[in-house]
Amino acid sequence: MKIVFMGTPEFSVPCLERLVLDGEEVVGVFTQPDKPKGRGYALSFSPVKEFAVKHNIPVFQPKSMRDGEALKIIKSLAPDLSIVVAYGKILPAEILTAPKYNSINIHASLLPAYRGAAPIQRAVLNGEKKSGVTSMIMDEGIDTGDMLLKSEIEIGENMTSGELHDKLSLLGAEVLSQTVSKLKAGELNPIKQDDALSSYAPMLTKELCPIDFTRPAREVHNKIRGLSPWPVATAVFNGKKVKIHSSVINDKLCADAGVVAKADNVITVGCGDNKCIDILELQLEGKKRMSAADFLLGHKIEKGAYFE
């Protein structure tokens, strides 16, 4: 089957790799334009472009998908199917319907829940117990197309968004492979989404970072793991901004909100429900990320000190 693949970040790469391993004919890859990176602002390839170049797959990086040029390229490639995985551009109807079998998207949620840009992080932030991947036929809405296949996994109590991202990236490749196989066999049965059950997962911003220790310990812990590895939850200690990278819930000790109950290998801080979290990894502004134990070697924290 001749396939055009559209994707940009690391999350997309296992799907593209699986298409190649399955022997599909990937006739072209669309990815975001190269971006300046580092101190020298040298242009860097997206992870998808890096993979495509290594495997001699033609790469296209249009700035716009609406000026007609991208449509001309797709028509010249004459694909049977377009696969879209975290491409990062909204596609018009003429692009979606250009291939023989239209376009299929791999979305990192159990639709119709968590439509939108940050389904992985929002699921963790909200304390969900499970997540998964859905393949769907694309339409012009935001993740509103008819569903094809689903696969789910459990979200561990201490799993971060980064860890869930990696698991769903690999799961997405499996779901994609099964979807393409069933499409070729004529075995797909699209199911309409129930809009009444839908929820939206907006993009993350740094405005989410400050921790409110007056909130319950579970909510504080979910914020820390939900914003890891980016943009990272923050607090203020001794007038300095601190990034909190990881934590666990400590229901054996009690303290008022923001107050340190213990500082011995971990930093135990009270939350609004009189329960605590253990801070495991943190980072002073301008310094390296380190374990709480290493942090405490150079920064003495007394019981009763205060995080805000």
Protein backbone atom coordinates (compact mmCIF):
# COMPACT_ATOMS: atom_id res chain seq x y z
CA MET A 1 0.00 0.00 0.00
CA LYS A 2 1.36 3.44 -0.97
CA ILE A 3 1.33 5.66 2.09
CA VAL A 4 2.08 9.30 2.83
CA PHE A 5 3.13 9.81 6.45
CA MET A 6 2.68 13.09 8.31
CA GLY A 7 4.36 13.56 11.69
CA THR A 8 6.95 15.61 13.52
CA PRO A 9 8.04 14.72 17.09
CA GLU A 10 9.65 11.67 18.66
CA PHE A 11 6.19 10.29 19.46
CA SER A 12 5.57 9.78 15.72
CA VAL A 13 8.75 7.87 14.89
CA PRO A 14 7.72 4.35 16.05
CA CYS A 15 4.65 4.57 13.79
CA LEU A 16 6.73 5.49 10.76
CA GLU A 17 9.27 2.81 11.62
CA ARG A 18 6.52 0.20 11.94
CA LEU A 19 5.17 1.05 8.48
CA VAL A 20 8.65 0.47 7.04
CA LEU A 21 9.10 -2.78 8.97
CA ASP A 22 5.68 -3.99 7.80
CA GLY A 23 6.80 -3.52 4.20
CA GLU A 24 4.43 -0.69 3.39
CA GLU A 25 5.53 1.65 0.59
CA VAL A 26 6.00 5.02 2.28
CA VAL A 27 6.17 7.32 -0.75
CA GLY A 28 6.67 10.54 1.17
CA VAL A 29 6.94 12.09 4.61
CA PHE A 30 5.52 15.47 5.57
CA THR A 31 6.99 17.10 8.66
CA GLN A 32 7.33 20.56 10.18
CA PRO A 33 9.99 22.91 8.75
CA ASP A 34 13.47 22.74 10.30
CA LYS A 35 13.83 24.95 13.39
CA PRO A 36 16.83 26.78 14.90
CA LYS A 37 18.20 25.07 17.98
CA GLY A 38 20.97 25.66 20.52
CA ARG A 39 23.22 28.63 21.09
CA GLY A 40 24.26 28.80 17.45
CA TYR A 41 20.66 28.58 16.23
CA ALA A 42 21.63 25.97 13.67
CA LEU A 43 18.65 24.46 11.88
CA SER A 44 17.74 21.02 13.23
CA PHE A 45 15.67 18.22 11.71
CA SER A 46 12.54 16.92 13.38
CA PRO A 47 12.84 13.33 14.70
CA VAL A 48 10.57 12.18 11.86
CA LYS A 49 12.75 13.85 9.23
CA GLU A 50 15.86 12.27 10.74
CA PHE A 51 14.31 8.82 10.38
CA ALA A 52 13.05 9.50 6.86
CA VAL A 53 16.43 10.76 5.64
CA LYS A 54 18.19 7.69 7.07
CA HIS A 55 15.76 5.46 5.18
CA ASN A 56 15.84 7.44 1.92
CA ILE A 57 12.18 8.44 2.11
CA PRO A 58 11.34 11.72 0.32
CA VAL A 59 10.70 14.55 2.81
CA PHE A 60 8.39 17.52 2.31
CA GLN A 61 8.18 20.49 4.69
CA PRO A 62 5.58 22.96 3.42
CA LYS A 63 5.02 26.07 5.53
CA SER A 64 1.33 25.95 4.65
CA MET A 65 -1.09 23.13 3.86
CA ARG A 66 -3.66 25.52 2.42
CA ASP A 67 -1.95 27.25 -0.51
CA GLY A 68 -2.39 24.37 -2.94
CA GLU A 69 1.27 23.35 -3.12
CA ALA A 70 1.00 20.54 -0.55
CA LEU A 71 -2.07 19.19 -2.35
CA LYS A 72 -0.15 19.12 -5.63
CA ILE A 73 2.65 17.13 -3.98
CA ILE A 74 0.23 14.62 -2.48
CA LYS A 75 -1.58 14.14 -5.79
CA SER A 76 1.74 13.58 -7.57
CA LEU A 77 2.63 10.87 -5.03
CA ALA A 78 -0.76 9.19 -5.65
CA PRO A 79 -0.98 7.53 -2.20
CA ASP A 80 -3.60 4.98 -1.22
CA LEU A 81 -3.60 6.30 2.33
CA SER A 82 -2.34 9.15 4.48
CA ILE A 83 -1.25 8.47 8.08
CA VAL A 84 -1.11 11.43 10.46
CA VAL A 85 0.63 11.14 13.85
CA ALA A 86 1.26 14.40 15.77
CA TYR A 87 2.04 16.37 12.63
CA GLY A 88 1.30 19.73 14.24
CA LYS A 89 -0.71 21.32 11.44
CA ILE A 90 -4.45 21.47 10.84
CA LEU A 91 -5.24 19.81 7.53
CA PRO A 92 -7.97 21.04 5.17
CA ALA A 93 -10.57 18.69 3.73
CA GLU A 94 -8.93 18.49 0.30
CA ILE A 95 -5.71 17.18 1.90
CA LEU A 96 -7.55 14.66 4.09
CA THR A 97 -9.55 13.20 1.21
CA ALA A 98 -6.84 13.25 -1.49
CA PRO A 99 -5.63 9.64 -0.91
CA LYS A 100 -7.74 6.73 -2.12
CA TYR A 101 -8.67 5.69 1.43
CA ASN A 102 -8.56 9.20 2.89
CA SER A 103 -6.51 9.89 6.04
CA ILE A 104 -6.11 8.00 9.34
CA ASN A 105 -4.89 9.55 12.57
CA ILE A 106 -3.26 7.90 15.59
CA HIS A 107 -4.36 9.82 18.71
CA ALA A 108 -2.92 9.29 22.19
CA SER A 109 -6.16 8.94 24.13
CA LEU A 110 -9.20 6.72 24.42
CA LEU A 111 -11.48 8.89 22.32
CA PRO A 112 -13.78 10.70 22.67
CA ALA A 113 -11.93 11.59 25.90
CA TYR A 114 -9.06 14.06 25.69
CA ARG A 115 -9.40 15.45 22.21
CA GLY A 116 -6.79 18.11 21.56
CA ALA A 117 -3.09 18.91 21.80
CA ALA A 118 -2.06 17.44 25.18
CA PRO A 119 -4.02 14.24 25.84
CA ILE A 120 -1.13 12.44 27.56
CA GLN A 121 -0.32 15.18 30.04
CA ARG A 122 -3.94 16.06 30.79
CA ALA A 123 -4.76 12.43 31.59
CA VAL A 124 -1.94 12.34 34.15
CA LEU A 125 -2.80 15.76 35.56
CA ASN A 126 -6.37 14.60 36.09
CA GLY A 127 -5.31 11.41 37.84
CA GLU A 128 -6.76 9.03 35.25
CA LYS A 129 -6.18 5.33 35.90
CA LYS A 130 -5.94 4.37 32.24
CA SER A 131 -5.10 5.82 28.85
CA GLY A 132 -4.52 4.44 25.41
CA VAL A 133 -4.41 4.99 21.68
CA THR A 134 -7.22 5.36 19.16
CA SER A 135 -6.98 5.17 15.38
CA MET A 136 -9.62 7.17 13.55
CA ILE A 137 -10.68 8.47 10.16
CA MET A 138 -9.80 12.15 10.04
CA ASP A 139 -12.29 14.93 9.47
CA GLU A 140 -11.98 18.71 9.80
CA GLY A 141 -12.86 18.70 13.51
CA ILE A 142 -10.36 18.42 16.35
CA ASP A 143 -10.05 14.65 16.84
CA THR A 144 -13.75 14.13 16.06
CA GLY A 145 -13.52 11.53 13.28
CA ASP A 146 -15.00 8.03 13.33
CA MET A 147 -13.00 5.64 15.52
CA LEU A 148 -11.40 2.48 14.12
CA LEU A 149 -9.30 0.60 16.71
CA LYS A 150 -8.44 1.21 20.38
CA SER A 151 -5.89 -0.18 22.79
CA GLU A 152 -5.55 0.83 26.43
CA ILE A 153 -2.95 0.67 29.20
CA GLU A 154 -2.96 1.42 32.91
CA ILE A 155 -1.45 4.62 34.24
CA GLY A 156 0.62 3.81 37.31
CA GLU A 157 0.21 5.88 40.47
CA ASN A 158 3.65 7.46 40.02
CA MET A 159 3.91 7.36 36.23
CA THR A 160 4.95 10.68 34.69
CA SER A 161 3.69 12.15 31.45
CA GLY A 162 7.07 11.39 29.92
CA GLU A 163 6.83 7.72 30.84
CA LEU A 164 3.27 7.48 29.56
CA HIS A 165 4.33 9.23 26.34
CA ASP A 166 6.94 6.57 25.63
CA LYS A 167 4.52 3.71 26.29
CA LEU A 168 1.79 5.21 24.12
CA SER A 169 4.26 5.94 21.34
CA LEU A 170 5.06 2.22 21.06
CA LEU A 171 1.41 1.25 21.50
CA GLY A 172 0.48 3.65 18.71
CA ALA A 173 2.74 1.77 16.32
CA GLU A 174 0.96 -1.49 17.17
CA VAL A 175 -2.47 0.06 16.70
CA LEU A 176 -1.41 1.59 13.39
CA SER A 177 -0.07 -1.71 12.10
CA GLN A 178 -3.33 -3.48 13.00
CA THR A 179 -5.39 -0.67 11.47
CA VAL A 180 -3.59 -0.78 8.14
CA SER A 181 -3.78 -4.58 8.06
CA LYS A 182 -7.52 -4.55 8.70
CA LEU A 183 -8.03 -1.80 6.14
CA LYS A 184 -6.36 -3.90 3.45
CA ALA A 185 -8.51 -6.87 4.45
CA GLY A 186 -11.70 -4.79 4.41
CA GLU A 187 -12.30 -5.54 8.11
CA LEU A 188 -12.57 -2.03 9.58
CA ASN A 189 -15.88 -0.93 11.08
CA PRO A 190 -15.83 2.81 11.84
CA ILE A 191 -17.70 3.91 14.98
CA LYS A 192 -18.97 7.45 15.45
CA GLN A 193 -17.81 9.28 18.56
CA ASP A 194 -20.33 10.26 21.20
CA ASP A 195 -19.80 14.00 21.59
CA ALA A 196 -21.62 13.91 24.94
CA LEU A 197 -18.72 11.84 26.34
CA SER A 198 -15.98 14.03 24.91
CA SER A 199 -13.44 16.11 26.81
CA TYR A 200 -10.78 18.53 25.64
CA ALA A 201 -7.03 18.47 26.34
CA PRO A 202 -5.64 21.96 25.69
CA MET A 203 -1.97 22.67 25.16
CA LEU A 204 0.20 23.03 28.27
CA THR A 205 1.56 26.42 29.30
CA LYS A 206 4.02 27.53 31.98
CA GLU A 207 1.12 29.19 33.80
CA LEU A 208 0.25 25.70 35.06
CA CYS A 209 3.62 25.24 36.80
CA PRO A 210 3.21 26.84 40.27
CA ILE A 211 2.18 24.30 42.91
CA ASP A 212 -0.63 25.20 45.29
CA PHE A 213 0.20 23.20 48.42
CA THR A 214 -3.24 24.01 49.86
CA ARG A 215 -4.62 21.46 47.38
CA PRO A 216 -4.89 17.75 48.35
CA ALA A 217 -1.70 15.68 48.23
CA ARG A 218 -3.02 13.55 45.39
CA GLU A 219 -3.69 16.63 43.26
CA VAL A 220 -0.26 18.10 44.01
CA HIS A 221 1.42 14.78 43.13
CA ASN A 222 -0.57 14.55 39.89
CA LYS A 223 0.57 18.05 38.93
CA ILE A 224 4.21 17.17 39.51
CA ARG A 225 4.12 13.98 37.44
CA GLY A 226 1.75 15.46 34.85
CA LEU A 227 4.10 18.36 34.09
CA SER A 228 7.17 16.10 33.87
CA PRO A 229 9.29 16.38 31.75
CA TRP A 230 7.81 19.72 30.55
CA PRO A 231 7.06 22.40 31.63
CA VAL A 232 7.81 21.07 35.19
CA ALA A 233 5.95 21.99 38.38
CA THR A 234 7.49 24.77 40.49
CA ALA A 235 7.54 26.07 44.05
CA VAL A 236 9.38 28.80 45.94
CA PHE A 237 11.76 28.02 48.81
CA ASN A 238 13.74 30.68 50.68
CA GLY A 239 12.76 33.16 48.00
CA LYS A 240 14.14 31.03 45.17
CA LYS A 241 12.22 29.24 42.45
CA VAL A 242 12.53 25.46 42.57
CA LYS A 243 11.47 22.95 39.92
CA ILE A 244 9.94 19.78 41.37
CA HIS A 245 10.59 16.89 38.99
CA SER A 246 9.23 13.87 40.86
CA SER A 247 7.37 12.91 44.02
CA VAL A 248 5.38 10.21 45.77
CA ILE A 249 2.49 10.50 48.19
CA ASN A 250 3.33 10.08 51.88
CA ASP A 251 0.21 9.28 53.89
CA LYS A 252 2.12 8.41 57.08
CA LEU A 253 3.17 11.94 57.99
CA CYS A 254 0.99 15.02 58.49
CA ALA A 255 1.86 18.70 58.14
CA ASP A 256 0.19 21.97 57.25
CA ALA A 257 0.19 23.05 53.62
CA GLY A 258 3.69 23.85 52.36
CA VAL A 259 5.38 22.99 55.67
CA VAL A 260 8.34 20.59 55.73
CA ALA A 261 7.55 17.59 57.95
CA LYS A 262 10.90 15.85 57.35
CA ALA A 263 14.06 16.41 55.32
CA ASP A 264 16.10 13.22 55.34
CA ASN A 265 16.92 11.70 51.91
CA VAL A 266 13.55 13.02 50.72
CA ILE A 267 11.81 16.31 51.47
CA THR A 268 8.36 15.68 52.94
CA VAL A 269 5.98 18.60 52.49
CA GLY A 270 2.42 19.01 53.78
CA CYS A 271 -0.59 19.55 51.55
CA GLY A 272 -4.08 20.92 52.06
CA ASP A 273 -5.67 17.65 53.17
CA ASN A 274 -3.11 17.18 56.00
CA LYS A 275 -1.34 14.52 53.96
CA CYS A 276 2.14 14.92 52.54
CA ILE A 277 4.19 14.37 49.43
CA ASP A 278 7.80 13.25 49.36
CA ILE A 279 9.81 15.35 46.92
CA LEU A 280 12.28 12.98 45.25
CA GLU A 281 13.97 15.20 42.63
CA LEU A 282 14.25 18.96 42.42
CA GLN A 283 16.23 21.72 40.77
CA LEU A 284 17.11 25.20 41.97
CA GLU A 285 16.77 27.88 39.32
CA GLY A 286 19.97 27.96 37.27
CA LYS A 287 21.24 24.68 38.75
CA LYS A 288 21.21 21.02 37.68
CA ARG A 289 18.42 18.59 38.47
CA MET A 290 19.31 16.36 41.44
CA SER A 291 17.89 13.91 43.91
CA ALA A 292 16.50 15.29 47.15
CA ALA A 293 19.24 13.41 49.02
CA ASP A 294 21.97 15.17 47.02
CA PHE A 295 20.18 18.49 47.36
CA LEU A 296 20.11 18.14 51.15
CA LEU A 297 23.89 17.62 51.25
CA GLY A 298 24.35 21.22 50.22
CA HIS A 299 21.14 22.80 51.51
CA LYS A 300 20.11 22.31 55.09
CA ILE A 301 16.33 22.26 55.49
CA GLU A 302 14.90 22.24 58.99
CA LYS A 303 11.61 20.67 59.95
CA GLY A 304 9.01 23.43 59.83
CA ALA A 305 10.59 25.21 56.85
CA TYR A 306 8.17 26.35 54.18
CA PHE A 307 7.56 25.77 50.49
CA GLU A 308 5.16 28.10 48.71
